[in-house]
C-alpha cells in the first residue's frame, strides 16, 4: 500500500468507514443488548404462532 503524504487527510470513504467502526466500538454493548432482545422476541413469537404451544401459554381456567 502507498503511504499518505504528510498533511494530506484521508478521503471521504476512509473517514466514513473509520467513523462507523468507531461508533461500533463505542456502542458494542448496546448493540448486543438490542440484538439479544430481538432474538428473544422472534423466538417467543415463533413459539406462540404454533397452535400446540399457544394453547399452553394462553391456557384459561375452566369456569
C-alpha atoms as a PDB file:
ATOM      1  CA  UNK A   1       0.000   0.000   0.000  1.00  0.00           C
ATOM      2  CA  UNK A   2       1.055   3.566  -0.587  1.00  0.00           C
ATOM      3  CA  UNK A   3       1.848   5.827   2.288  1.00  0.00           C
ATOM      4  CA  UNK A   4      -0.037   9.053   2.578  1.00  0.00           C
ATOM      5  CA  UNK A   5       1.838  12.289   2.146  1.00  0.00           C
ATOM      6  CA  UNK A   6       2.312  14.310   5.314  1.00  0.00           C
ATOM      7  CA  UNK A   7      -0.561  16.684   5.967  1.00  0.00           C
ATOM      8  CA  UNK A   8      -2.899  15.048   3.474  1.00  0.00           C
ATOM      9  CA  UNK A   9      -6.237  13.995   5.003  1.00  0.00           C
ATOM     10  CA  UNK A  10      -7.763  10.607   4.150  1.00  0.00           C
ATOM     11  CA  UNK A  11     -10.511  10.514   1.578  1.00  0.00           C
ATOM     12  CA  UNK A  12     -14.224  10.620   2.397  1.00  0.00           C
ATOM     13  CA  UNK A  13     -14.761   6.853   2.213  1.00  0.00           C
ATOM     14  CA  UNK A  14     -11.904   6.128   4.626  1.00  0.00           C
ATOM     15  CA  UNK A  15     -13.198   8.719   7.099  1.00  0.00           C
ATOM     16  CA  UNK A  16     -16.734   7.290   6.870  1.00  0.00           C
ATOM     17  CA  UNK A  17     -15.520   3.737   7.486  1.00  0.00           C
ATOM     18  CA  UNK A  18     -13.391   4.897  10.421  1.00  0.00           C
ATOM     19  CA  UNK A  19     -16.331   6.731  11.976  1.00  0.00           C
ATOM     20  CA  UNK A  20     -18.612   3.686  11.588  1.00  0.00           C
ATOM     21  CA  UNK A  21     -16.027   1.425  13.229  1.00  0.00           C
ATOM     22  CA  UNK A  22     -15.545   3.987  15.990  1.00  0.00           C
ATOM     23  CA  UNK A  23     -19.292   4.049  16.653  1.00  0.00           C
ATOM     24  CA  UNK A  24     -19.494   0.240  16.715  1.00  0.00           C
ATOM     25  CA  UNK A  25     -16.599   0.071  19.182  1.00  0.00           C
ATOM     26  CA  UNK A  26     -18.271   2.687  21.367  1.00  0.00           C
ATOM     27  CA  UNK A  27     -21.769   1.149  21.303  1.00  0.00           C
ATOM     28  CA  UNK A  28     -20.831  -2.541  21.238  1.00  0.00           C
ATOM     29  CA  UNK A  29     -22.684  -3.452  24.447  1.00  0.00           C
ATOM     30  CA  UNK A  30     -25.851  -1.610  23.444  1.00  0.00           C
ATOM     31  CA  UNK A  31     -25.860  -3.247  20.006  1.00  0.00           C
ATOM     32  CA  UNK A  32     -25.514  -6.720  21.540  1.00  0.00           C
ATOM     33  CA  UNK A  33     -28.212  -5.875  24.109  1.00  0.00           C
ATOM     34  CA  UNK A  34     -30.700  -4.894  21.404  1.00  0.00           C
ATOM     35  CA  UNK A  35     -29.811  -7.931  19.267  1.00  0.00           C
ATOM     36  CA  UNK A  36     -30.410 -10.217  22.259  1.00  0.00           C
ATOM     37  CA  UNK A  37     -33.918  -8.826  22.803  1.00  0.00           C
ATOM     38  CA  UNK A  38     -34.723  -9.013  19.093  1.00  0.00           C
ATOM     39  CA  UNK A  39     -33.714 -12.683  19.055  1.00  0.00           C
ATOM     40  CA  UNK A  40     -35.784 -13.426  22.180  1.00  0.00           C
ATOM     41  CA  UNK A  41     -38.785 -11.622  20.666  1.00  0.00           C
ATOM     42  CA  UNK A  42     -38.530 -13.646  17.449  1.00  0.00           C
ATOM     43  CA  UNK A  43     -38.155 -16.888  19.408  1.00  0.00           C
ATOM     44  CA  UNK A  44     -41.243 -16.221  21.546  1.00  0.00           C
ATOM     45  CA  UNK A  45     -43.205 -15.024  18.524  1.00  0.00           C
ATOM     46  CA  UNK A  46     -42.353 -18.263  16.726  1.00  0.00           C
ATOM     47  CA  UNK A  47     -43.421 -20.338  19.726  1.00  0.00           C
ATOM     48  CA  UNK A  48     -46.726 -18.554  20.130  1.00  0.00           C
ATOM     49  CA  UNK A  49     -47.557 -18.888  16.441  1.00  0.00           C
ATOM     50  CA  UNK A  50     -47.716 -22.685  16.765  1.00  0.00           C
ATOM     51  CA  UNK A  51     -51.121 -23.906  17.987  1.00  0.00           C
ATOM     52  CA  UNK A  52     -49.781 -26.590  20.337  1.00  0.00           C
ATOM     53  CA  UNK A  53     -47.542 -24.106  22.191  1.00  0.00           C
ATOM     54  CA  UNK A  54     -50.056 -21.297  22.031  1.00  0.00           C
ATOM     55  CA  UNK A  55     -52.570 -23.421  23.957  1.00  0.00           C
ATOM     56  CA  UNK A  56     -50.012 -23.999  26.710  1.00  0.00           C
ATOM     57  CA  UNK A  57     -49.106 -20.325  27.013  1.00  0.00           C
ATOM     58  CA  UNK A  58     -52.657 -18.994  26.877  1.00  0.00           C
ATOM     59  CA  UNK A  59     -54.471 -21.758  28.744  1.00  0.00           C
ATOM     60  CA  UNK A  60     -57.556 -20.404  30.522  1.00  0.00           C
ATOM     61  CA  UNK A  61     -59.137 -21.810  33.630  1.00  0.00           C
ATOM     62  CA  UNK A  62     -62.446 -23.535  33.107  1.00  0.00           C
ATOM     63  CA  UNK A  63     -65.369 -21.723  34.708  1.00  0.00           C
END
